[in-house]
Amino acid sequence: DEDKAYDELNNAVHKDPECWTLLFEKTLAESIDVLQELPLSTPIQLQPNKTYGFYIHSSLPGDRGLVYDNQRGKVTHSDQYLQVLPGLAHVSYKPFSPNGSWR
């Protein structure tokens, strides 16, 4: 089943720091009303028919850092060039912590 395979891969990869490459690390000014650009140290070049994952994390405790929710649908966005699949919200201020994932 495609959903089961996706869930198994997601659960294995999102918990392992060795599966990820750090592309941005900086403290930004707090802002609720103004979006902040996150310039990556290395641009990401997306290739056709490949799957990419992005782990976005804030080290602020509580919900004052990045705030986003889990999506239960199968697709977040899709057009002729790109398909964005949903991810998981993680509320721990420690990256890759086993505590803090919304289920």
PDB file of N, CA and C in Angstrom:
ATOM      1  N   ASP A   1       0.851  -1.189   0.000  1.00  0.00           N
ATOM      2  CA  ASP A   1       0.000   0.000   0.000  1.00  0.00           C
ATOM      3  C   ASP A   1       0.892   1.246   0.000  1.00  0.00           C
ATOM      4  N   GLU A   2       0.601   2.178  -0.896  1.00  0.00           N
ATOM      5  CA  GLU A   2       1.422   3.379  -1.057  1.00  0.00           C
ATOM      6  C   GLU A   2       1.462   4.231   0.209  1.00  0.00           C
ATOM      7  N   ASP A   3       0.331   4.382   0.898  1.00  0.00           N
ATOM      8  CA  ASP A   3       0.291   5.175   2.131  1.00  0.00           C
ATOM      9  C   ASP A   3       1.168   4.567   3.216  1.00  0.00           C
ATOM     10  N   LYS A   4       1.140   3.248   3.354  1.00  0.00           N
ATOM     11  CA  LYS A   4       1.949   2.569   4.376  1.00  0.00           C
ATOM     12  C   LYS A   4       3.441   2.743   4.083  1.00  0.00           C
ATOM     13  N   ALA A   5       3.851   2.600   2.828  1.00  0.00           N
ATOM     14  CA  ALA A   5       5.255   2.773   2.447  1.00  0.00           C
ATOM     15  C   ALA A   5       5.716   4.196   2.734  1.00  0.00           C
ATOM     16  N   TYR A   6       4.880   5.190   2.410  1.00  0.00           N
ATOM     17  CA  TYR A   6       5.211   6.590   2.681  1.00  0.00           C
ATOM     18  C   TYR A   6       5.389   6.814   4.183  1.00  0.00           C
ATOM     19  N   ASP A   7       4.472   6.297   4.990  1.00  0.00           N
ATOM     20  CA  ASP A   7       4.545   6.464   6.447  1.00  0.00           C
ATOM     21  C   ASP A   7       5.798   5.818   7.022  1.00  0.00           C
ATOM     22  N   GLU A   8       6.161   4.628   6.546  1.00  0.00           N
ATOM     23  CA  GLU A   8       7.355   3.946   7.054  1.00  0.00           C
ATOM     24  C   GLU A   8       8.626   4.725   6.721  1.00  0.00           C
ATOM     25  N   LEU A   9       8.738   5.208   5.499  1.00  0.00           N
ATOM     26  CA  LEU A   9       9.900   5.992   5.101  1.00  0.00           C
ATOM     27  C   LEU A   9       9.954   7.290   5.893  1.00  0.00           C
ATOM     28  N   ASN A  10       8.848   7.981   5.996  1.00  0.00           N
ATOM     29  CA  ASN A  10       8.792   9.240   6.723  1.00  0.00           C
ATOM     30  C   ASN A  10       9.197   9.045   8.180  1.00  0.00           C
ATOM     31  N   ASN A  11       8.683   8.025   8.824  1.00  0.00           N
ATOM     32  CA  ASN A  11       9.009   7.778  10.230  1.00  0.00           C
ATOM     33  C   ASN A  11      10.481   7.473  10.424  1.00  0.00           C
ATOM     34  N   ALA A  12      11.099   6.730   9.509  1.00  0.00           N
ATOM     35  CA  ALA A  12      12.514   6.385   9.638  1.00  0.00           C
ATOM     36  C   ALA A  12      13.414   7.594   9.388  1.00  0.00           C
ATOM     37  N   VAL A  13      13.146   8.352   8.342  1.00  0.00           N
ATOM     38  CA  VAL A  13      14.026   9.436   7.926  1.00  0.00           C
ATOM     39  C   VAL A  13      13.899  10.678   8.802  1.00  0.00           C
ATOM     40  N   HIS A  14      12.701  11.033   9.211  1.00  0.00           N
ATOM     41  CA  HIS A  14      12.560  12.314   9.922  1.00  0.00           C
ATOM     42  C   HIS A  14      13.185  12.285  11.302  1.00  0.00           C
ATOM     43  N   LYS A  15      13.541  11.113  11.828  1.00  0.00           N
ATOM     44  CA  LYS A  15      14.145  11.007  13.153  1.00  0.00           C
ATOM     45  C   LYS A  15      15.668  10.902  13.117  1.00  0.00           C
ATOM     46  N   ASP A  16      16.269  10.816  11.946  1.00  0.00           N
ATOM     47  CA  ASP A  16      17.698  10.552  11.832  1.00  0.00           C
ATOM     48  C   ASP A  16      18.448  11.762  11.283  1.00  0.00           C
ATOM     49  N   PRO A  17      19.222  12.475  12.135  1.00  0.00           N
ATOM     50  CA  PRO A  17      19.954  13.663  11.673  1.00  0.00           C
ATOM     51  C   PRO A  17      20.939  13.359  10.540  1.00  0.00           C
ATOM     52  N   GLU A  18      21.431  12.137  10.460  1.00  0.00           N
ATOM     53  CA  GLU A  18      22.386  11.779   9.407  1.00  0.00           C
ATOM     54  C   GLU A  18      21.764  11.798   8.011  1.00  0.00           C
ATOM     55  N   CYS A  19      20.447  11.800   7.938  1.00  0.00           N
ATOM     56  CA  CYS A  19      19.755  11.810   6.647  1.00  0.00           C
ATOM     57  C   CYS A  19      19.575  13.221   6.092  1.00  0.00           C
ATOM     58  N   TRP A  20      20.025  14.239   6.827  1.00  0.00           N
ATOM     59  CA  TRP A  20      19.742  15.621   6.467  1.00  0.00           C
ATOM     60  C   TRP A  20      21.027  16.413   6.277  1.00  0.00           C
ATOM     61  N   THR A  21      20.967  17.467   5.467  1.00  0.00           N
ATOM     62  CA  THR A  21      22.084  18.385   5.247  1.00  0.00           C
ATOM     63  C   THR A  21      21.666  19.767   5.724  1.00  0.00           C
ATOM     64  N   LEU A  22      22.455  20.366   6.614  1.00  0.00           N
ATOM     65  CA  LEU A  22      22.149  21.701   7.132  1.00  0.00           C
ATOM     66  C   LEU A  22      22.414  22.746   6.055  1.00  0.00           C
ATOM     67  N   LEU A  23      21.394  23.540   5.723  1.00  0.00           N
ATOM     68  CA  LEU A  23      21.521  24.564   4.685  1.00  0.00           C
ATOM     69  C   LEU A  23      21.301  25.978   5.207  1.00  0.00           C
ATOM     70  N   PHE A  24      20.849  26.104   6.449  1.00  0.00           N
ATOM     71  CA  PHE A  24      20.609  27.432   7.027  1.00  0.00           C
ATOM     72  C   PHE A  24      20.656  27.323   8.538  1.00  0.00           C
ATOM     73  N   GLU A  25      21.433  28.202   9.163  1.00  0.00           N
ATOM     74  CA  GLU A  25      21.477  28.245  10.621  1.00  0.00           C
ATOM     75  C   GLU A  25      21.755  29.678  11.034  1.00  0.00           C
ATOM     76  N   LYS A  26      20.765  30.309  11.627  1.00  0.00           N
ATOM     77  CA  LYS A  26      20.896  31.713  11.985  1.00  0.00           C
ATOM     78  C   LYS A  26      19.785  32.074  12.964  1.00  0.00           C
ATOM     79  N   THR A  27      20.055  33.026  13.815  1.00  0.00           N
ATOM     80  CA  THR A  27      19.024  33.565  14.698  1.00  0.00           C
ATOM     81  C   THR A  27      18.397  34.772  14.006  1.00  0.00           C
ATOM     82  N   LEU A  28      17.083  34.737  13.856  1.00  0.00           N
ATOM     83  CA  LEU A  28      16.370  35.822  13.195  1.00  0.00           C
ATOM     84  C   LEU A  28      15.581  36.634  14.211  1.00  0.00           C
ATOM     85  N   ALA A  29      15.351  37.880  13.897  1.00  0.00           N
ATOM     86  CA  ALA A  29      14.517  38.726  14.755  1.00  0.00           C
ATOM     87  C   ALA A  29      13.097  38.175  14.769  1.00  0.00           C
ATOM     88  N   GLU A  30      12.479  38.248  15.933  1.00  0.00           N
ATOM     89  CA  GLU A  30      11.098  37.777  16.061  1.00  0.00           C
ATOM     90  C   GLU A  30      10.173  38.643  15.226  1.00  0.00           C
ATOM     91  N   SER A  31       9.259  38.011  14.520  1.00  0.00           N
ATOM     92  CA  SER A  31       8.320  38.748  13.688  1.00  0.00           C
ATOM     93  C   SER A  31       7.053  37.934  13.485  1.00  0.00           C
ATOM     94  N   ILE A  32       5.931  38.521  13.856  1.00  0.00           N
ATOM     95  CA  ILE A  32       4.652  37.843  13.638  1.00  0.00           C
ATOM     96  C   ILE A  32       4.022  38.306  12.332  1.00  0.00           C
ATOM     97  N   ASP A  33       4.288  39.542  11.937  1.00  0.00           N
ATOM     98  CA  ASP A  33       3.615  40.129  10.784  1.00  0.00           C
ATOM     99  C   ASP A  33       4.443  40.149   9.503  1.00  0.00           C
ATOM    100  N   VAL A  34       5.757  39.986   9.614  1.00  0.00           N
ATOM    101  CA  VAL A  34       6.624  40.104   8.448  1.00  0.00           C
ATOM    102  C   VAL A  34       7.313  38.769   8.192  1.00  0.00           C
ATOM    103  N   LEU A  35       7.179  38.254   6.967  1.00  0.00           N
ATOM    104  CA  LEU A  35       7.857  37.016   6.607  1.00  0.00           C
ATOM    105  C   LEU A  35       9.363  37.246   6.586  1.00  0.00           C
ATOM    106  N   GLN A  36      10.116  36.227   6.942  1.00  0.00           N
ATOM    107  CA  GLN A  36      11.572  36.321   6.963  1.00  0.00           C
ATOM    108  C   GLN A  36      12.156  35.419   5.880  1.00  0.00           C
ATOM    109  N   GLU A  37      13.084  35.925   5.113  1.00  0.00           N
ATOM    110  CA  GLU A  37      13.771  35.112   4.112  1.00  0.00           C
ATOM    111  C   GLU A  37      14.807  34.243   4.812  1.00  0.00           C
ATOM    112  N   LEU A  38      14.941  33.014   4.370  1.00  0.00           N
ATOM    113  CA  LEU A  38      15.942  32.097   4.904  1.00  0.00           C
ATOM    114  C   LEU A  38      16.911  31.753   3.765  1.00  0.00           C
ATOM    115  N   PRO A  39      17.931  32.578   3.554  1.00  0.00           N
ATOM    116  CA  PRO A  39      18.851  32.315   2.446  1.00  0.00           C
ATOM    117  C   PRO A  39      19.677  31.058   2.721  1.00  0.00           C
ATOM    118  N   LEU A  40      19.597  30.091   1.833  1.00  0.00           N
ATOM    119  CA  LEU A  40      20.279  28.817   2.023  1.00  0.00           C
ATOM    120  C   LEU A  40      21.756  28.938   1.660  1.00  0.00           C
ATOM    121  N   SER A  41      22.608  28.203   2.378  1.00  0.00           N
ATOM    122  CA  SER A  41      24.044  28.225   2.092  1.00  0.00           C
ATOM    123  C   SER A  41      24.348  27.583   0.743  1.00  0.00           C
ATOM    124  N   THR A  42      23.546  26.642   0.342  1.00  0.00           N
ATOM    125  CA  THR A  42      23.662  25.988  -0.959  1.00  0.00           C
ATOM    126  C   THR A  42      22.270  25.937  -1.579  1.00  0.00           C
ATOM    127  N   PRO A  43      22.103  26.468  -2.784  1.00  0.00           N
ATOM    128  CA  PRO A  43      20.777  26.400  -3.422  1.00  0.00           C
ATOM    129  C   PRO A  43      20.346  24.948  -3.632  1.00  0.00           C
ATOM    130  N   ILE A  44      19.060  24.722  -3.581  1.00  0.00           N
ATOM    131  CA  ILE A  44      18.508  23.395  -3.821  1.00  0.00           C
ATOM    132  C   ILE A  44      18.016  23.355  -5.264  1.00  0.00           C
ATOM    133  N   GLN A  45      18.580  22.459  -6.039  1.00  0.00           N
ATOM    134  CA  GLN A  45      18.135  22.288  -7.419  1.00  0.00           C
ATOM    135  C   GLN A  45      17.297  21.028  -7.482  1.00  0.00           C
ATOM    136  N   LEU A  46      16.008  21.215  -7.698  1.00  0.00           N
ATOM    137  CA  LEU A  46      15.087  20.093  -7.759  1.00  0.00           C
ATOM    138  C   LEU A  46      15.161  19.437  -9.126  1.00  0.00           C
ATOM    139  N   GLN A  47      15.273  18.121  -9.125  1.00  0.00           N
ATOM    140  CA  GLN A  47      15.343  17.348 -10.359  1.00  0.00           C
ATOM    141  C   GLN A  47      13.991  16.682 -10.614  1.00  0.00           C
ATOM    142  N   PRO A  48      13.617  16.503 -11.870  1.00  0.00           N
ATOM    143  CA  PRO A  48      12.338  15.864 -12.191  1.00  0.00           C
ATOM    144  C   PRO A  48      12.257  14.435 -11.633  1.00  0.00           C
ATOM    145  N   ASN A  49      11.055  14.078 -11.202  1.00  0.00           N
ATOM    146  CA  ASN A  49      10.754  12.716 -10.742  1.00  0.00           C
ATOM    147  C   ASN A  49      11.569  12.279  -9.526  1.00  0.00           C
ATOM    148  N   LYS A  50      11.982  13.217  -8.710  1.00  0.00           N
ATOM    149  CA  LYS A  50      12.705  12.925  -7.466  1.00  0.00           C
ATOM    150  C   LYS A  50      11.876  13.423  -6.298  1.00  0.00           C
ATOM    151  N   THR A  51      12.109  12.841  -5.129  1.00  0.00           N
ATOM    152  CA  THR A  51      11.427  13.256  -3.913  1.00  0.00           C
ATOM    153  C   THR A  51      12.441  13.906  -2.978  1.00  0.00           C
ATOM    154  N   TYR A  52      12.078  15.055  -2.411  1.00  0.00           N
ATOM    155  CA  TYR A  52      12.942  15.782  -1.496  1.00  0.00           C
ATOM    156  C   TYR A  52      12.186  16.035  -0.204  1.00  0.00           C
ATOM    157  N   GLY A  53      12.896  16.017   0.913  1.00  0.00           N
ATOM    158  CA  GLY A  53      12.296  16.340   2.200  1.00  0.00           C
ATOM    159  C   GLY A  53      13.016  17.529   2.808  1.00  0.00           C
ATOM    160  N   PHE A  54      12.274  18.342   3.551  1.00  0.00           N
ATOM    161  CA  PHE A  54      12.847  19.515   4.199  1.00  0.00           C
ATOM    162  C   PHE A  54      12.476  19.477   5.677  1.00  0.00           C
ATOM    163  N   TYR A  55      13.471  19.548   6.548  1.00  0.00           N
ATOM    164  CA  TYR A  55      13.269  19.561   7.996  1.00  0.00           C
ATOM    165  C   TYR A  55      13.503  20.992   8.439  1.00  0.00           C
ATOM    166  N   ILE A  56      12.450  21.673   8.830  1.00  0.00           N
ATOM    167  CA  ILE A  56      12.531  23.084   9.231  1.00  0.00           C
ATOM    168  C   ILE A  56      12.312  23.137  10.728  1.00  0.00           C
ATOM    169  N   HIS A  57      13.253  23.741  11.451  1.00  0.00           N
ATOM    170  CA  HIS A  57      13.244  23.662  12.909  1.00  0.00           C
ATOM    171  C   HIS A  57      13.548  25.016  13.534  1.00  0.00           C
ATOM    172  N   SER A  58      12.929  25.276  14.674  1.00  0.00           N
ATOM    173  CA  SER A  58      13.242  26.445  15.490  1.00  0.00           C
ATOM    174  C   SER A  58      13.636  25.964  16.875  1.00  0.00           C
ATOM    175  N   SER A  59      14.685  26.555  17.450  1.00  0.00           N
ATOM    176  CA  SER A  59      15.148  26.146  18.777  1.00  0.00           C
ATOM    177  C   SER A  59      14.471  26.922  19.908  1.00  0.00           C
ATOM    178  N   LEU A  60      13.507  27.773  19.590  1.00  0.00           N
ATOM    179  CA  LEU A  60      12.776  28.473  20.642  1.00  0.00           C
ATOM    180  C   LEU A  60      11.834  27.499  21.357  1.00  0.00           C
ATOM    181  N   PRO A  61      11.847  27.493  22.690  1.00  0.00           N
ATOM    182  CA  PRO A  61      10.907  26.614  23.395  1.00  0.00           C
ATOM    183  C   PRO A  61       9.467  27.104  23.243  1.00  0.00           C
ATOM    184  N   GLY A  62       8.535  26.180  23.377  1.00  0.00           N
ATOM    185  CA  GLY A  62       7.119  26.532  23.255  1.00  0.00           C
ATOM    186  C   GLY A  62       6.740  26.733  21.800  1.00  0.00           C
ATOM    187  N   ASP A  63       5.723  27.549  21.577  1.00  0.00           N
ATOM    188  CA  ASP A  63       5.233  27.747  20.206  1.00  0.00           C
ATOM    189  C   ASP A  63       5.539  29.149  19.691  1.00  0.00           C
ATOM    190  N   ARG A  64       6.666  29.709  20.095  1.00  0.00           N
ATOM    191  CA  ARG A  64       7.028  31.054  19.654  1.00  0.00           C
ATOM    192  C   ARG A  64       7.977  31.038  18.460  1.00  0.00           C
ATOM    193  N   GLY A  65       8.413  29.867  18.025  1.00  0.00           N
ATOM    194  CA  GLY A  65       9.270  29.762  16.849  1.00  0.00           C
ATOM    195  C   GLY A  65       8.415  29.584  15.614  1.00  0.00           C
ATOM    196  N   LEU A  66       8.825  28.691  14.769  1.00  0.00           N
ATOM    197  CA  LEU A  66       8.017  28.357  13.594  1.00  0.00           C
ATOM    198  C   LEU A  66       6.759  27.656  14.049  1.00  0.00           C
ATOM    199  N   VAL A  67       5.652  28.045  13.477  1.00  0.00           N
ATOM    200  CA  VAL A  67       4.390  27.414  13.855  1.00  0.00           C
ATOM    201  C   VAL A  67       3.721  26.899  12.586  1.00  0.00           C
ATOM    202  N   TYR A  68       3.458  25.609  12.568  1.00  0.00           N
ATOM    203  CA  TYR A  68       2.746  24.998  11.469  1.00  0.00           C
ATOM    204  C   TYR A  68       2.049  23.757  12.004  1.00  0.00           C
ATOM    205  N   ASP A  69       1.075  23.288  11.294  1.00  0.00           N
ATOM    206  CA  ASP A  69       0.284  22.145  11.736  1.00  0.00           C
ATOM    207  C   ASP A  69       0.441  20.979  10.762  1.00  0.00           C
ATOM    208  N   ASN A  70       0.177  19.791  11.281  1.00  0.00           N
ATOM    209  CA  ASN A  70       0.128  18.620  10.408  1.00  0.00           C
ATOM    210  C   ASN A  70      -1.024  18.774   9.424  1.00  0.00           C
ATOM    211  N   GLN A  71      -0.850  18.204   8.274  1.00  0.00           N
ATOM    212  CA  GLN A  71      -1.925  18.151   7.284  1.00  0.00           C
ATOM    213  C   GLN A  71      -2.266  16.690   7.085  1.00  0.00           C
ATOM    214  N   ARG A  72      -3.510  16.379   7.084  1.00  0.00           N
ATOM    215  CA  ARG A  72      -3.927  14.987   6.947  1.00  0.00           C
ATOM    216  C   ARG A  72      -4.224  14.582   5.510  1.00  0.00           C
ATOM    217  N   GLY A  73      -4.287  15.543   4.598  1.00  0.00           N
ATOM    218  CA  GLY A  73      -4.542  15.217   3.200  1.00  0.00           C
ATOM    219  C   GLY A  73      -3.306  14.623   2.545  1.00  0.00           C
ATOM    220  N   LYS A  74      -3.472  14.029   1.388  1.00  0.00           N
ATOM    221  CA  LYS A  74      -2.356  13.380   0.690  1.00  0.00           C
ATOM    222  C   LYS A  74      -1.462  14.361  -0.059  1.00  0.00           C
ATOM    223  N   VAL A  75      -2.007  15.490  -0.513  1.00  0.00           N
ATOM    224  CA  VAL A  75      -1.243  16.453  -1.305  1.00  0.00           C
ATOM    225  C   VAL A  75      -1.536  17.862  -0.801  1.00  0.00           C
ATOM    226  N   THR A  76      -0.474  18.652  -0.572  1.00  0.00           N
ATOM    227  CA  THR A  76      -0.621  20.040  -0.131  1.00  0.00           C
ATOM    228  C   THR A  76      -0.826  20.972  -1.322  1.00  0.00           C
ATOM    229  N   HIS A  77      -0.038  20.740  -2.366  1.00  0.00           N
ATOM    230  CA  HIS A  77      -0.110  21.562  -3.578  1.00  0.00           C
ATOM    231  C   HIS A  77       0.342  20.699  -4.752  1.00  0.00           C
ATOM    232  N   SER A  78      -0.269  20.929  -5.896  1.00  0.00           N
ATOM    233  CA  SER A  78       0.151  20.219  -7.100  1.00  0.00           C
ATOM    234  C   SER A  78      -0.136  21.087  -8.316  1.00  0.00           C
ATOM    235  N   ASP A  79       0.857  21.185  -9.216  1.00  0.00           N
ATOM    236  CA  ASP A  79       0.653  21.839 -10.504  1.00  0.00           C
ATOM    237  C   ASP A  79       1.472  21.070 -11.544  1.00  0.00           C
ATOM    238  N   GLN A  80       1.627  21.611 -12.732  1.00  0.00           N
ATOM    239  CA  GLN A  80       2.312  20.869 -13.787  1.00  0.00           C
ATOM    240  C   GLN A  80       3.807  20.703 -13.536  1.00  0.00           C
ATOM    241  N   TYR A  81       4.374  21.454 -12.569  1.00  0.00           N
ATOM    242  CA  TYR A  81       5.806  21.404 -12.310  1.00  0.00           C
ATOM    243  C   TYR A  81       6.191  20.756 -10.983  1.00  0.00           C
ATOM    244  N   LEU A  82       5.308  20.839  -9.992  1.00  0.00           N
ATOM    245  CA  LEU A  82       5.704  20.487  -8.633  1.00  0.00           C
ATOM    246  C   LEU A  82       4.533  19.908  -7.860  1.00  0.00           C
ATOM    247  N   GLN A  83       4.829  18.915  -7.039  1.00  0.00           N
ATOM    248  CA  GLN A  83       3.829  18.382  -6.111  1.00  0.00           C
ATOM    249  C   GLN A  83       4.427  18.461  -4.711  1.00  0.00           C
ATOM    250  N   VAL A  84       3.713  19.090  -3.787  1.00  0.00           N
ATOM    251  CA  VAL A  84       4.155  19.234  -2.404  1.00  0.00           C
ATOM    252  C   VAL A  84       3.294  18.332  -1.539  1.00  0.00           C
ATOM    253  N   LEU A  85       3.963  17.427  -0.823  1.00  0.00           N
ATOM    254  CA  LEU A  85       3.263  16.508   0.064  1.00  0.00           C
ATOM    255  C   LEU A  85       3.316  17.030   1.488  1.00  0.00           C
ATOM    256  N   PRO A  86       2.380  16.633   2.340  1.00  0.00           N
ATOM    257  CA  PRO A  86       2.355  17.128   3.718  1.00  0.00           C
ATOM    258  C   PRO A  86       3.489  16.552   4.555  1.00  0.00           C
ATOM    259  N   GLY A  87       3.746  17.204   5.673  1.00  0.00           N
ATOM    260  CA  GLY A  87       4.760  16.748   6.614  1.00  0.00           C
ATOM    261  C   GLY A  87       4.194  16.662   8.007  1.00  0.00           C
ATOM    262  N   LEU A  88       5.073  16.661   8.986  1.00  0.00           N
ATOM    263  CA  LEU A  88       4.676  16.561  10.391  1.00  0.00           C
ATOM    264  C   LEU A  88       5.091  17.810  11.147  1.00  0.00           C
ATOM    265  N   ALA A  89       4.268  18.253  12.058  1.00  0.00           N
ATOM    266  CA  ALA A  89       4.645  19.336  12.964  1.00  0.00           C
ATOM    267  C   ALA A  89       5.432  18.728  14.119  1.00  0.00           C
ATOM    268  N   HIS A  90       6.483  19.411  14.526  1.00  0.00           N
ATOM    269  CA  HIS A  90       7.341  18.955  15.627  1.00  0.00           C
ATOM    270  C   HIS A  90       7.513  20.131  16.571  1.00  0.00           C
ATOM    271  N   VAL A  91       7.116  19.984  17.829  1.00  0.00           N
ATOM    272  CA  VAL A  91       7.088  21.126  18.737  1.00  0.00           C
ATOM    273  C   VAL A  91       8.221  21.153  19.753  1.00  0.00           C
ATOM    274  N   SER A  92       9.153  20.225  19.685  1.00  0.00           N
ATOM    275  CA  SER A  92      10.288  20.256  20.606  1.00  0.00           C
ATOM    276  C   SER A  92      11.292  21.304  20.137  1.00  0.00           C
ATOM    277  N   TYR A  93      11.958  21.974  21.080  1.00  0.00           N
ATOM    278  CA  TYR A  93      12.989  22.932  20.710  1.00  0.00           C
ATOM    279  C   TYR A  93      14.313  22.236  20.402  1.00  0.00           C
ATOM    280  N   LYS A  94      14.382  20.916  20.616  1.00  0.00           N
ATOM    281  CA  LYS A  94      15.568  20.128  20.296  1.00  0.00           C
ATOM    282  C   LYS A  94      15.332  19.416  18.961  1.00  0.00           C
ATOM    283  N   PRO A  95      16.182  19.665  17.960  1.00  0.00           N
ATOM    284  CA  PRO A  95      15.970  19.004  16.673  1.00  0.00           C
ATOM    285  C   PRO A  95      16.085  17.491  16.800  1.00  0.00           C
ATOM    286  N   PHE A  96      15.241  16.782  16.091  1.00  0.00           N
ATOM    287  CA  PHE A  96      15.212  15.329  16.027  1.00  0.00           C
ATOM    288  C   PHE A  96      14.879  14.674  17.366  1.00  0.00           C
ATOM    289  N   SER A  97      14.326  15.431  18.291  1.00  0.00           N
ATOM    290  CA  SER A  97      13.916  14.866  19.573  1.00  0.00           C
ATOM    291  C   SER A  97      12.790  13.847  19.354  1.00  0.00           C
ATOM    292  N   PRO A  98      12.832  12.720  20.081  1.00  0.00           N
ATOM    293  CA  PRO A  98      11.733  11.765  19.950  1.00  0.00           C
ATOM    294  C   PRO A  98      10.446  12.275  20.600  1.00  0.00           C
ATOM    295  N   ASN A  99      10.563  13.349  21.365  1.00  0.00           N
ATOM    296  CA  ASN A  99       9.390  13.951  22.013  1.00  0.00           C
ATOM    297  C   ASN A  99       8.974  15.192  21.226  1.00  0.00           C
ATOM    298  N   GLY A 100       7.691  15.370  21.064  1.00  0.00           N
ATOM    299  CA  GLY A 100       7.233  16.623  20.462  1.00  0.00           C
ATOM    300  C   GLY A 100       6.568  16.503  19.110  1.00  0.00           C
ATOM    301  N   SER A 101       6.492  15.310  18.533  1.00  0.00           N
ATOM    302  CA  SER A 101       5.802  15.197  17.242  1.00  0.00           C
ATOM    303  C   SER A 101       4.304  15.097  17.469  1.00  0.00           C
ATOM    304  N   TRP A 102       3.558  15.860  16.685  1.00  0.00           N
ATOM    305  CA  TRP A 102       2.107  15.757  16.710  1.00  0.00           C
ATOM    306  C   TRP A 102       1.702  14.525  15.926  1.00  0.00           C
ATOM    307  N   ARG A 103       0.834  13.740  16.447  1.00  0.00           N
ATOM    308  CA  ARG A 103       0.337  12.539  15.755  1.00  0.00           C
ATOM    309  C   ARG A 103      -1.151  12.613  15.622  1.00  0.00           C
TER     310      ARG A 103
END
